[in-house]
Amino acid sequence: MKEKIKTTALQLFNETGISTVSMLQIAQKLNISAGNLSYHFKNKELLLEAIFEDLKEESTKFLFPPNEYITLHHFENSMRKFDRVQSKYEFFFNELVHITRVYPSIAKRYEAVNLTRFKESRKLIDYYIETDRLKPENEYTNYDKMIHSIWMISTFWQSQKQIITDTDFTLNKGDFIDFHWNLLIPFLTETGLTEYQQIKKYTNTNPL
């Protein structure tokens, strides 16, 4: 029943937003009593925390894999997996600032997740430098800032599409993976660029 409740709540949150959905509406959608719902989740905050735990697990299980030979395809694949997570939990990313203000316990957990992601991303960048895919860091290159830029694109990709909705403006409605590559490509070595071109050929998408 808990899984059914989370699934139904997620559907309603995605459809109309977390602020407009009440626990009663979730119970009615499930054809159960409000008391039955509160038996499993006492309030919306506890329900949201449970959904967030699922989101956290799904969004962190594909970070830097230890003891493996990693190509640039891992970066591409990780971004595409995170794109699917964003689509599944669309409401969370659309209302991220609101959620972190109203639910401080989730805010702390989400911050911890992101700090872990930054560290894992740095490991991946360092690995790509060591394996001659990325150019070494220098006084003009700050990979920590790049990692943060990638995080911002990933995190706010869903919400930015709602801000600029003009049908004649299509840039923000494209493949967000390309925006990540656009940051990375200038810093690829010849080896990295060759590998990137192979990845795009393999995934049937056009290089930037």
N, C-alpha and C. Protein backbone atom coordinates (compact mmCIF):
# COMPACT_ATOMS: atom_id res chain seq x y z
N MET A 1 0.82 -1.21 0.00
CA MET A 1 0.00 0.00 0.00
C MET A 1 0.86 1.27 0.00
N LYS A 2 1.97 1.24 0.74
CA LYS A 2 2.84 2.41 0.75
C LYS A 2 3.35 2.76 -0.64
N GLU A 3 3.69 1.74 -1.42
CA GLU A 3 4.17 1.98 -2.78
C GLU A 3 3.06 2.56 -3.65
N LYS A 4 1.84 2.06 -3.47
CA LYS A 4 0.70 2.60 -4.22
C LYS A 4 0.45 4.06 -3.86
N ILE A 5 0.57 4.36 -2.57
CA ILE A 5 0.37 5.74 -2.13
C ILE A 5 1.43 6.65 -2.74
N LYS A 6 2.68 6.23 -2.71
CA LYS A 6 3.76 7.05 -3.27
C LYS A 6 3.57 7.25 -4.77
N THR A 7 3.18 6.19 -5.46
CA THR A 7 2.98 6.27 -6.91
C THR A 7 1.86 7.24 -7.25
N THR A 8 0.75 7.14 -6.51
CA THR A 8 -0.40 8.02 -6.75
C THR A 8 -0.07 9.46 -6.41
N ALA A 9 0.59 9.67 -5.28
CA ALA A 9 0.98 11.02 -4.89
C ALA A 9 1.92 11.63 -5.92
N LEU A 10 2.87 10.85 -6.40
CA LEU A 10 3.81 11.33 -7.41
C LEU A 10 3.07 11.76 -8.67
N GLN A 11 2.10 10.97 -9.08
CA GLN A 11 1.30 11.31 -10.26
C GLN A 11 0.58 12.64 -10.07
N LEU A 12 -0.06 12.80 -8.92
CA LEU A 12 -0.81 14.04 -8.65
C LEU A 12 0.12 15.23 -8.51
N PHE A 13 1.25 15.04 -7.83
CA PHE A 13 2.22 16.14 -7.69
C PHE A 13 2.72 16.60 -9.04
N ASN A 14 3.00 15.65 -9.92
CA ASN A 14 3.49 15.99 -11.26
C ASN A 14 2.43 16.71 -12.09
N GLU A 15 1.18 16.33 -11.87
CA GLU A 15 0.09 16.90 -12.67
C GLU A 15 -0.22 18.34 -12.29
N THR A 16 -0.30 18.62 -10.98
CA THR A 16 -0.78 19.94 -10.56
C THR A 16 0.14 20.66 -9.59
N GLY A 17 1.19 20.02 -9.10
CA GLY A 17 2.09 20.66 -8.16
C GLY A 17 1.80 20.25 -6.73
N ILE A 18 2.83 20.23 -5.93
CA ILE A 18 2.69 19.73 -4.57
C ILE A 18 1.79 20.60 -3.70
N SER A 19 1.79 21.89 -3.91
CA SER A 19 1.02 22.79 -3.05
C SER A 19 -0.48 22.61 -3.22
N THR A 20 -0.91 22.19 -4.39
CA THR A 20 -2.35 22.09 -4.67
C THR A 20 -2.93 20.72 -4.34
N VAL A 21 -2.10 19.78 -3.98
CA VAL A 21 -2.56 18.42 -3.71
C VAL A 21 -2.64 18.20 -2.20
N SER A 22 -3.80 17.80 -1.73
CA SER A 22 -4.00 17.53 -0.31
C SER A 22 -3.93 16.02 -0.05
N MET A 23 -3.73 15.67 1.19
CA MET A 23 -3.74 14.26 1.57
C MET A 23 -5.11 13.64 1.29
N LEU A 24 -6.17 14.42 1.46
CA LEU A 24 -7.51 13.92 1.17
C LEU A 24 -7.66 13.58 -0.31
N GLN A 25 -7.12 14.43 -1.18
CA GLN A 25 -7.20 14.15 -2.62
C GLN A 25 -6.46 12.86 -2.97
N ILE A 26 -5.32 12.63 -2.31
CA ILE A 26 -4.57 11.41 -2.56
C ILE A 26 -5.38 10.20 -2.11
N ALA A 27 -6.01 10.30 -0.95
CA ALA A 27 -6.85 9.21 -0.44
C ALA A 27 -8.01 8.94 -1.39
N GLN A 28 -8.64 10.01 -1.86
CA GLN A 28 -9.78 9.85 -2.78
C GLN A 28 -9.35 9.20 -4.09
N LYS A 29 -8.18 9.59 -4.57
CA LYS A 29 -7.67 9.00 -5.81
C LYS A 29 -7.43 7.50 -5.65
N LEU A 30 -7.04 7.09 -4.45
CA LEU A 30 -6.78 5.68 -4.15
C LEU A 30 -8.03 4.93 -3.71
N ASN A 31 -9.12 5.66 -3.54
CA ASN A 31 -10.36 5.06 -3.03
C ASN A 31 -10.16 4.43 -1.65
N ILE A 32 -9.43 5.14 -0.82
CA ILE A 32 -9.25 4.70 0.56
C ILE A 32 -9.64 5.85 1.49
N SER A 33 -9.80 5.56 2.76
CA SER A 33 -10.17 6.60 3.72
C SER A 33 -8.95 7.44 4.08
N ALA A 34 -9.21 8.65 4.57
CA ALA A 34 -8.13 9.51 5.02
C ALA A 34 -7.39 8.87 6.19
N GLY A 35 -8.13 8.15 7.02
CA GLY A 35 -7.51 7.46 8.14
C GLY A 35 -6.56 6.37 7.70
N ASN A 36 -6.95 5.65 6.65
CA ASN A 36 -6.08 4.60 6.11
C ASN A 36 -4.80 5.21 5.56
N LEU A 37 -4.94 6.34 4.88
CA LEU A 37 -3.76 7.01 4.34
C LEU A 37 -2.84 7.48 5.47
N SER A 38 -3.42 8.09 6.49
CA SER A 38 -2.61 8.61 7.59
C SER A 38 -1.95 7.49 8.40
N TYR A 39 -2.50 6.28 8.32
CA TYR A 39 -1.88 5.14 8.99
C TYR A 39 -0.50 4.87 8.38
N HIS A 40 -0.39 5.05 7.07
CA HIS A 40 0.87 4.79 6.36
C HIS A 40 1.77 6.03 6.34
N PHE A 41 1.15 7.20 6.13
CA PHE A 41 1.90 8.45 6.12
C PHE A 41 1.08 9.49 6.89
N LYS A 42 1.59 9.88 8.03
CA LYS A 42 0.84 10.74 8.94
C LYS A 42 0.53 12.10 8.33
N ASN A 43 1.42 12.61 7.51
CA ASN A 43 1.20 13.91 6.88
C ASN A 43 1.93 13.99 5.55
N LYS A 44 1.74 15.09 4.84
CA LYS A 44 2.33 15.25 3.52
C LYS A 44 3.85 15.30 3.58
N GLU A 45 4.39 15.88 4.64
CA GLU A 45 5.84 15.97 4.77
C GLU A 45 6.49 14.59 4.82
N LEU A 46 5.91 13.68 5.59
CA LEU A 46 6.46 12.32 5.68
C LEU A 46 6.32 11.59 4.35
N LEU A 47 5.22 11.84 3.66
CA LEU A 47 5.02 11.24 2.34
C LEU A 47 6.06 11.78 1.36
N LEU A 48 6.27 13.08 1.40
CA LEU A 48 7.25 13.69 0.50
C LEU A 48 8.66 13.19 0.81
N GLU A 49 8.97 13.00 2.08
CA GLU A 49 10.29 12.49 2.46
C GLU A 49 10.50 11.09 1.89
N ALA A 50 9.45 10.27 1.92
CA ALA A 50 9.55 8.91 1.38
C ALA A 50 9.78 8.95 -0.13
N ILE A 51 9.08 9.84 -0.82
CA ILE A 51 9.27 9.99 -2.27
C ILE A 51 10.67 10.49 -2.56
N PHE A 52 11.14 11.43 -1.74
CA PHE A 52 12.49 11.96 -1.94
C PHE A 52 13.54 10.87 -1.77
N GLU A 53 13.36 9.96 -0.83
CA GLU A 53 14.32 8.87 -0.64
C GLU A 53 14.41 8.01 -1.89
N ASP A 54 13.28 7.79 -2.55
CA ASP A 54 13.29 7.04 -3.81
C ASP A 54 14.05 7.82 -4.88
N LEU A 55 13.78 9.12 -4.95
CA LEU A 55 14.47 9.98 -5.91
C LEU A 55 15.98 9.95 -5.66
N LYS A 56 16.36 10.07 -4.40
CA LYS A 56 17.79 10.08 -4.05
C LYS A 56 18.48 8.79 -4.48
N GLU A 57 17.83 7.67 -4.20
CA GLU A 57 18.43 6.38 -4.56
C GLU A 57 18.59 6.25 -6.07
N GLU A 58 17.57 6.68 -6.81
CA GLU A 58 17.62 6.56 -8.26
C GLU A 58 18.61 7.52 -8.90
N SER A 59 18.87 8.64 -8.26
CA SER A 59 19.73 9.66 -8.87
C SER A 59 21.20 9.55 -8.45
N THR A 60 21.51 8.66 -7.52
CA THR A 60 22.90 8.53 -7.06
C THR A 60 23.52 7.17 -7.39
N LYS A 61 22.74 6.23 -7.84
CA LYS A 61 23.28 4.88 -8.05
C LYS A 61 24.15 4.77 -9.30
N PHE A 62 24.17 5.82 -10.14
CA PHE A 62 24.98 5.76 -11.35
C PHE A 62 26.13 6.77 -11.33
N LEU A 63 26.57 7.15 -10.13
CA LEU A 63 27.72 8.05 -10.03
C LEU A 63 29.02 7.30 -10.30
N PHE A 64 30.14 7.90 -9.96
CA PHE A 64 31.45 7.35 -10.32
C PHE A 64 31.60 5.91 -9.86
N PRO A 65 31.71 4.95 -10.80
CA PRO A 65 31.83 3.54 -10.43
C PRO A 65 33.29 3.17 -10.14
N PRO A 66 33.58 2.62 -8.98
CA PRO A 66 34.96 2.27 -8.65
C PRO A 66 35.44 1.02 -9.39
N ASN A 67 36.74 0.96 -9.59
CA ASN A 67 37.38 -0.25 -10.14
C ASN A 67 36.82 -0.65 -11.50
N GLU A 68 36.51 0.33 -12.32
CA GLU A 68 36.04 0.03 -13.67
C GLU A 68 36.80 0.90 -14.67
N TYR A 69 36.91 0.38 -15.91
CA TYR A 69 37.45 1.20 -16.98
C TYR A 69 36.31 2.07 -17.50
N ILE A 70 36.47 3.37 -17.41
CA ILE A 70 35.37 4.29 -17.71
C ILE A 70 35.70 5.12 -18.94
N THR A 71 34.77 5.18 -19.86
CA THR A 71 34.93 6.02 -21.04
C THR A 71 34.05 7.26 -20.88
N LEU A 72 34.10 8.15 -21.85
CA LEU A 72 33.24 9.32 -21.83
C LEU A 72 31.77 8.95 -21.96
N HIS A 73 31.51 7.74 -22.41
CA HIS A 73 30.12 7.30 -22.52
C HIS A 73 29.46 7.23 -21.15
N HIS A 74 30.26 7.03 -20.10
CA HIS A 74 29.70 7.02 -18.75
C HIS A 74 29.08 8.38 -18.43
N PHE A 75 29.74 9.45 -18.84
CA PHE A 75 29.20 10.79 -18.64
C PHE A 75 27.88 10.95 -19.39
N GLU A 76 27.88 10.56 -20.64
CA GLU A 76 26.66 10.64 -21.46
C GLU A 76 25.54 9.81 -20.84
N ASN A 77 25.87 8.58 -20.47
CA ASN A 77 24.86 7.67 -19.92
C ASN A 77 24.31 8.17 -18.59
N SER A 78 25.19 8.70 -17.75
CA SER A 78 24.76 9.22 -16.45
C SER A 78 23.81 10.39 -16.61
N MET A 79 24.11 11.27 -17.55
CA MET A 79 23.24 12.42 -17.78
C MET A 79 21.88 11.99 -18.30
N ARG A 80 21.85 11.00 -19.16
CA ARG A 80 20.58 10.53 -19.70
C ARG A 80 19.75 9.83 -18.62
N LYS A 81 20.41 9.10 -17.74
CA LYS A 81 19.69 8.48 -16.63
C LYS A 81 19.11 9.54 -15.71
N PHE A 82 19.88 10.59 -15.45
CA PHE A 82 19.38 11.65 -14.59
C PHE A 82 18.23 12.40 -15.27
N ASP A 83 18.27 12.51 -16.58
CA ASP A 83 17.18 13.12 -17.32
C ASP A 83 15.89 12.33 -17.11
N ARG A 84 16.00 11.01 -17.09
CA ARG A 84 14.82 10.17 -16.85
C ARG A 84 14.32 10.33 -15.41
N VAL A 85 15.25 10.48 -14.47
CA VAL A 85 14.85 10.72 -13.08
C VAL A 85 14.09 12.04 -12.99
N GLN A 86 14.58 13.07 -13.67
CA GLN A 86 13.91 14.37 -13.65
C GLN A 86 12.50 14.28 -14.22
N SER A 87 12.34 13.53 -15.27
CA SER A 87 11.02 13.38 -15.87
C SER A 87 10.07 12.64 -14.93
N LYS A 88 10.59 11.65 -14.24
CA LYS A 88 9.76 10.88 -13.32
C LYS A 88 9.33 11.72 -12.12
N TYR A 89 10.26 12.51 -11.58
CA TYR A 89 9.99 13.35 -10.40
C TYR A 89 9.94 14.82 -10.81
N GLU A 90 9.20 15.10 -11.84
CA GLU A 90 9.18 16.44 -12.43
C GLU A 90 8.78 17.51 -11.40
N PHE A 91 7.81 17.22 -10.56
CA PHE A 91 7.33 18.21 -9.60
C PHE A 91 8.45 18.69 -8.68
N PHE A 92 9.33 17.76 -8.29
CA PHE A 92 10.38 18.10 -7.32
C PHE A 92 11.31 19.16 -7.89
N PHE A 93 11.70 19.00 -9.14
CA PHE A 93 12.63 19.94 -9.75
C PHE A 93 11.94 21.23 -10.16
N ASN A 94 10.65 21.15 -10.47
CA ASN A 94 9.90 22.36 -10.78
C ASN A 94 9.68 23.23 -9.55
N GLU A 95 9.60 22.60 -8.39
CA GLU A 95 9.29 23.33 -7.15
C GLU A 95 10.41 23.21 -6.12
N LEU A 96 11.62 23.05 -6.61
CA LEU A 96 12.75 22.77 -5.73
C LEU A 96 12.96 23.84 -4.66
N VAL A 97 12.95 25.09 -5.04
CA VAL A 97 13.19 26.17 -4.08
C VAL A 97 12.09 26.18 -3.02
N HIS A 98 10.86 26.04 -3.45
CA HIS A 98 9.72 26.00 -2.52
C HIS A 98 9.86 24.83 -1.55
N ILE A 99 10.17 23.67 -2.07
CA ILE A 99 10.28 22.47 -1.23
C ILE A 99 11.38 22.62 -0.18
N THR A 100 12.53 23.14 -0.60
CA THR A 100 13.64 23.27 0.35
C THR A 100 13.37 24.35 1.40
N ARG A 101 12.50 25.31 1.10
CA ARG A 101 12.13 26.33 2.08
C ARG A 101 11.10 25.80 3.08
N VAL A 102 10.15 25.04 2.58
CA VAL A 102 9.04 24.59 3.42
C VAL A 102 9.39 23.34 4.21
N TYR A 103 10.25 22.50 3.64
CA TYR A 103 10.59 21.23 4.28
C TYR A 103 12.10 21.18 4.55
N PRO A 104 12.54 21.75 5.67
CA PRO A 104 13.98 21.84 5.97
C PRO A 104 14.68 20.49 6.08
N SER A 105 13.97 19.45 6.51
CA SER A 105 14.62 18.14 6.62
C SER A 105 14.99 17.60 5.25
N ILE A 106 14.13 17.85 4.27
CA ILE A 106 14.43 17.45 2.89
C ILE A 106 15.54 18.32 2.33
N ALA A 107 15.52 19.59 2.69
CA ALA A 107 16.56 20.51 2.21
C ALA A 107 17.95 20.04 2.64
N LYS A 108 18.07 19.60 3.89
CA LYS A 108 19.36 19.13 4.39
C LYS A 108 19.80 17.86 3.67
N ARG A 109 18.87 16.96 3.45
CA ARG A 109 19.20 15.71 2.75
C ARG A 109 19.58 15.98 1.31
N TYR A 110 18.85 16.89 0.68
CA TYR A 110 19.13 17.19 -0.71
C TYR A 110 20.49 17.87 -0.86
N GLU A 111 20.81 18.75 0.08
CA GLU A 111 22.13 19.39 0.06
C GLU A 111 23.23 18.35 0.20
N ALA A 112 23.05 17.39 1.10
CA ALA A 112 24.05 16.34 1.30
C ALA A 112 24.23 15.50 0.05
N VAL A 113 23.12 15.22 -0.63
CA VAL A 113 23.19 14.46 -1.88
C VAL A 113 24.01 15.22 -2.91
N ASN A 114 23.77 16.51 -3.03
CA ASN A 114 24.48 17.31 -4.02
C ASN A 114 25.97 17.44 -3.70
N LEU A 115 26.31 17.59 -2.43
CA LEU A 115 27.71 17.67 -2.05
C LEU A 115 28.44 16.37 -2.38
N THR A 116 27.75 15.25 -2.18
CA THR A 116 28.31 13.95 -2.56
C THR A 116 28.48 13.87 -4.07
N ARG A 117 27.48 14.37 -4.78
CA ARG A 117 27.54 14.34 -6.25
C ARG A 117 28.71 15.19 -6.76
N PHE A 118 28.96 16.33 -6.12
CA PHE A 118 30.09 17.17 -6.53
C PHE A 118 31.41 16.43 -6.36
N LYS A 119 31.56 15.72 -5.24
CA LYS A 119 32.80 14.98 -4.98
C LYS A 119 32.98 13.85 -5.99
N GLU A 120 31.88 13.13 -6.27
CA GLU A 120 31.95 12.03 -7.23
C GLU A 120 32.23 12.54 -8.63
N SER A 121 31.64 13.68 -8.96
CA SER A 121 31.88 14.28 -10.28
C SER A 121 33.34 14.71 -10.42
N ARG A 122 33.92 15.21 -9.33
CA ARG A 122 35.33 15.61 -9.37
C ARG A 122 36.22 14.38 -9.59
N LYS A 123 35.87 13.26 -8.98
CA LYS A 123 36.62 12.03 -9.21
C LYS A 123 36.58 11.65 -10.68
N LEU A 124 35.41 11.81 -11.28
CA LEU A 124 35.26 11.47 -12.69
C LEU A 124 36.10 12.39 -13.57
N ILE A 125 36.06 13.68 -13.27
CA ILE A 125 36.86 14.65 -14.03
C ILE A 125 38.35 14.31 -13.90
N ASP A 126 38.80 14.04 -12.69
CA ASP A 126 40.22 13.71 -12.47
C ASP A 126 40.60 12.43 -13.22
N TYR A 127 39.69 11.49 -13.26
CA TYR A 127 39.94 10.25 -14.00
C TYR A 127 40.10 10.55 -15.49
N TYR A 128 39.25 11.42 -16.02
CA TYR A 128 39.34 11.77 -17.43
C TYR A 128 40.63 12.53 -17.74
N ILE A 129 41.10 13.30 -16.78
CA ILE A 129 42.40 13.98 -16.97
C ILE A 129 43.53 12.96 -16.98
N GLU A 130 43.50 12.04 -16.03
CA GLU A 130 44.55 11.03 -15.91
C GLU A 130 44.60 10.11 -17.13
N THR A 131 43.45 9.87 -17.75
CA THR A 131 43.40 8.97 -18.91
C THR A 131 43.43 9.74 -20.23
N ASP A 132 43.85 11.01 -20.17
CA ASP A 132 44.08 11.84 -21.36
C ASP A 132 42.81 12.07 -22.18
N ARG A 133 41.70 12.22 -21.52
CA ARG A 133 40.47 12.61 -22.21
C ARG A 133 40.17 14.10 -22.02
N LEU A 134 40.55 14.62 -20.86
CA LEU A 134 40.39 16.05 -20.57
C LEU A 134 41.76 16.70 -20.37
N LYS A 135 41.87 17.95 -20.78
CA LYS A 135 43.11 18.69 -20.59
C LYS A 135 43.33 18.96 -19.10
N PRO A 136 44.56 18.99 -18.66
CA PRO A 136 44.83 19.29 -17.25
C PRO A 136 44.31 20.66 -16.85
N GLU A 137 43.94 20.78 -15.60
CA GLU A 137 43.46 22.05 -15.08
C GLU A 137 44.61 23.06 -15.05
N ASN A 138 44.31 24.32 -15.36
CA ASN A 138 45.33 25.37 -15.33
C ASN A 138 44.71 26.65 -14.78
N GLU A 139 45.43 27.74 -14.89
CA GLU A 139 44.96 28.99 -14.29
C GLU A 139 43.70 29.53 -14.98
N TYR A 140 43.40 29.03 -16.19
CA TYR A 140 42.22 29.48 -16.90
C TYR A 140 41.07 28.47 -16.85
N THR A 141 41.33 27.33 -16.26
CA THR A 141 40.35 26.26 -16.23
C THR A 141 40.06 25.86 -14.79
N ASN A 142 38.80 25.89 -14.41
CA ASN A 142 38.39 25.49 -13.07
C ASN A 142 37.30 24.44 -13.21
N TYR A 143 37.68 23.18 -13.04
CA TYR A 143 36.72 22.10 -13.24
C TYR A 143 35.67 22.05 -12.15
N ASP A 144 35.96 22.56 -10.97
CA ASP A 144 34.94 22.61 -9.92
C ASP A 144 33.80 23.54 -10.33
N LYS A 145 34.15 24.66 -10.97
CA LYS A 145 33.11 25.57 -11.47
C LYS A 145 32.32 24.91 -12.61
N MET A 146 33.01 24.14 -13.43
CA MET A 146 32.33 23.43 -14.50
C MET A 146 31.33 22.43 -13.92
N ILE A 147 31.76 21.70 -12.89
CA ILE A 147 30.89 20.72 -12.25
C ILE A 147 29.64 21.42 -11.70
N HIS A 148 29.83 22.58 -11.09
CA HIS A 148 28.69 23.31 -10.55
C HIS A 148 27.78 23.79 -11.68
N SER A 149 28.35 24.20 -12.79
CA SER A 149 27.56 24.63 -13.94
C SER A 149 26.74 23.47 -14.50
N ILE A 150 27.36 22.30 -14.57
CA ILE A 150 26.65 21.11 -15.04
C ILE A 150 25.50 20.78 -14.09
N TRP A 151 25.76 20.91 -12.80
CA TRP A 151 24.71 20.65 -11.81
C TRP A 151 23.54 21.62 -11.99
N MET A 152 23.84 22.88 -12.22
CA MET A 152 22.78 23.87 -12.38
C MET A 152 21.94 23.58 -13.62
N ILE A 153 22.59 23.22 -14.72
CA ILE A 153 21.84 22.87 -15.93
C ILE A 153 20.95 21.67 -15.67
N SER A 154 21.51 20.65 -15.04
CA SER A 154 20.76 19.43 -14.77
C SER A 154 19.57 19.69 -13.85
N THR A 155 19.82 20.42 -12.78
CA THR A 155 18.81 20.60 -11.75
C THR A 155 17.65 21.49 -12.20
N PHE A 156 17.95 22.53 -12.97
CA PHE A 156 16.91 23.48 -13.32
C PHE A 156 16.47 23.38 -14.78
N TRP A 157 16.78 22.27 -15.41
CA TRP A 157 16.40 22.09 -16.81
C TRP A 157 14.88 22.06 -16.98
N GLN A 158 14.20 21.34 -16.09
CA GLN A 158 12.74 21.26 -16.19
C GLN A 158 12.08 22.61 -15.96
N SER A 159 12.51 23.30 -14.93
CA SER A 159 11.84 24.56 -14.57
C SER A 159 12.10 25.66 -15.60
N GLN A 160 13.29 25.68 -16.23
CA GLN A 160 13.57 26.75 -17.18
C GLN A 160 12.68 26.63 -18.42
N LYS A 161 12.21 25.42 -18.73
CA LYS A 161 11.32 25.25 -19.87
C LYS A 161 9.97 25.90 -19.62
N GLN A 162 9.59 26.01 -18.34
CA GLN A 162 8.32 26.64 -18.00
C GLN A 162 8.41 28.16 -18.00
N ILE A 163 9.62 28.69 -17.87
CA ILE A 163 9.79 30.14 -17.80
C ILE A 163 9.76 30.76 -19.20
N ILE A 164 10.45 30.12 -20.15
CA ILE A 164 10.45 30.60 -21.54
C ILE A 164 9.66 29.61 -22.37
N THR A 165 8.44 29.98 -22.70
CA THR A 165 7.52 29.06 -23.39
C THR A 165 7.23 29.48 -24.83
N ASP A 166 7.81 30.57 -25.27
CA ASP A 166 7.58 31.05 -26.64
C ASP A 166 7.87 29.93 -27.64
N THR A 167 6.92 29.64 -28.50
CA THR A 167 7.07 28.54 -29.45
C THR A 167 8.16 28.78 -30.48
N ASP A 168 8.49 30.06 -30.70
CA ASP A 168 9.56 30.38 -31.66
C ASP A 168 10.95 30.20 -31.05
N PHE A 169 10.99 30.09 -29.73
CA PHE A 169 12.27 29.87 -29.05
C PHE A 169 12.37 28.40 -28.69
N THR A 170 13.27 27.69 -29.35
CA THR A 170 13.33 26.23 -29.17
C THR A 170 14.60 25.76 -28.47
N LEU A 171 15.54 26.68 -28.25
CA LEU A 171 16.83 26.29 -27.68
C LEU A 171 16.67 25.57 -26.34
N ASN A 172 15.78 26.07 -25.49
CA ASN A 172 15.63 25.49 -24.16
C ASN A 172 14.77 24.24 -24.15
N LYS A 173 14.30 23.82 -25.30
CA LYS A 173 13.46 22.63 -25.38
C LYS A 173 14.20 21.47 -26.04
N GLY A 174 15.48 21.67 -26.33
CA GLY A 174 16.26 20.62 -26.98
C GLY A 174 16.76 19.58 -26.00
N ASP A 175 17.76 18.84 -26.44
CA ASP A 175 18.36 17.78 -25.62
C ASP A 175 19.31 18.40 -24.61
N PHE A 176 18.99 18.26 -23.33
CA PHE A 176 19.83 18.93 -22.34
C PHE A 176 21.21 18.29 -22.23
N ILE A 177 21.39 17.08 -22.77
CA ILE A 177 22.71 16.45 -22.80
C ILE A 177 23.67 17.29 -23.63
N ASP A 178 23.16 17.86 -24.71
CA ASP A 178 24.01 18.69 -25.57
C ASP A 178 24.54 19.91 -24.84
N PHE A 179 23.77 20.44 -23.90
CA PHE A 179 24.24 21.59 -23.13
C PHE A 179 25.41 21.20 -22.23
N HIS A 180 25.37 19.98 -21.71
CA HIS A 180 26.48 19.51 -20.89
C HIS A 180 27.73 19.30 -21.74
N TRP A 181 27.55 18.68 -22.90
CA TRP A 181 28.69 18.47 -23.79
C TRP A 181 29.28 19.81 -24.24
N ASN A 182 28.42 20.79 -24.43
CA ASN A 182 28.89 22.10 -24.87
C ASN A 182 29.88 22.71 -23.88
N LEU A 183 29.70 22.39 -22.59
CA LEU A 183 30.65 22.84 -21.57
C LEU A 183 31.94 22.04 -21.62
N LEU A 184 31.82 20.76 -21.91
CA LEU A 184 32.96 19.85 -21.79
C LEU A 184 33.86 19.82 -23.03
N ILE A 185 33.26 19.93 -24.20
CA ILE A 185 34.00 19.75 -25.45
C ILE A 185 35.24 20.64 -25.59
N PRO A 186 35.20 21.92 -25.23
CA PRO A 186 36.40 22.75 -25.39
C PRO A 186 37.60 22.25 -24.59
N PHE A 187 37.35 21.39 -23.60
CA PHE A 187 38.44 20.92 -22.75
C PHE A 187 38.85 19.48 -23.05
N LEU A 188 38.26 18.90 -24.10
CA LEU A 188 38.63 17.54 -24.49
C LEU A 188 39.99 17.55 -25.20
N THR A 189 40.78 16.52 -24.94
CA THR A 189 42.01 16.31 -25.68
C THR A 189 41.66 15.69 -27.04
N GLU A 190 42.65 15.46 -27.86
CA GLU A 190 42.39 14.78 -29.14
C GLU A 190 41.79 13.41 -28.89
N THR A 191 42.31 12.72 -27.88
CA THR A 191 41.77 11.40 -27.53
C THR A 191 40.31 11.52 -27.10
N GLY A 192 40.04 12.51 -26.26
CA GLY A 192 38.67 12.71 -25.79
C GLY A 192 37.72 13.10 -26.89
N LEU A 193 38.17 13.95 -27.81
CA LEU A 193 37.31 14.39 -28.90
C LEU A 193 36.98 13.22 -29.83
N THR A 194 37.98 12.38 -30.11
CA THR A 194 37.74 11.19 -30.94
C THR A 194 36.72 10.27 -30.28
N GLU A 195 36.86 10.11 -28.98
CA GLU A 195 35.93 9.25 -28.24
C GLU A 195 34.52 9.85 -28.24
N TYR A 196 34.43 11.16 -28.11
CA TYR A 196 33.14 11.84 -28.14
C TYR A 196 32.45 11.60 -29.49
N GLN A 197 33.20 11.74 -30.58
CA GLN A 197 32.64 11.54 -31.91
C GLN A 197 32.16 10.11 -32.08
N GLN A 198 32.88 9.15 -31.51
CA GLN A 198 32.45 7.75 -31.56
C GLN A 198 31.17 7.54 -30.78
N ILE A 199 31.06 8.20 -29.64
CA ILE A 199 29.85 8.10 -28.81
C ILE A 199 28.65 8.63 -29.57
N LYS A 200 28.81 9.77 -30.21
CA LYS A 200 27.69 10.36 -30.93
C LYS A 200 27.29 9.50 -32.13
N LYS A 201 28.27 8.86 -32.73
CA LYS A 201 27.97 7.95 -33.83
C LYS A 201 27.22 6.73 -33.31
N TYR A 202 27.63 6.24 -32.17
CA TYR A 202 27.03 5.06 -31.54
C TYR A 202 25.61 5.35 -31.07
N THR A 203 25.39 6.54 -30.54
CA THR A 203 24.06 6.89 -30.00
C THR A 203 23.16 7.52 -31.06
N ASN A 204 23.63 7.58 -32.30
CA ASN A 204 22.85 8.10 -33.42
C ASN A 204 22.40 9.54 -33.21
N THR A 205 23.26 10.33 -32.59
CA THR A 205 22.97 11.76 -32.45
C THR A 205 24.10 12.54 -33.08
N ASN A 206 23.81 13.73 -33.52
CA ASN A 206 24.81 14.54 -34.22
C ASN A 206 25.72 15.24 -33.25
N PRO A 207 27.03 15.24 -33.49
CA PRO A 207 27.94 16.03 -32.66
C PRO A 207 27.58 17.49 -32.72
N LEU A 208 27.93 18.24 -31.68
CA LEU A 208 27.62 19.67 -31.65
C LEU A 208 28.37 20.41 -32.76
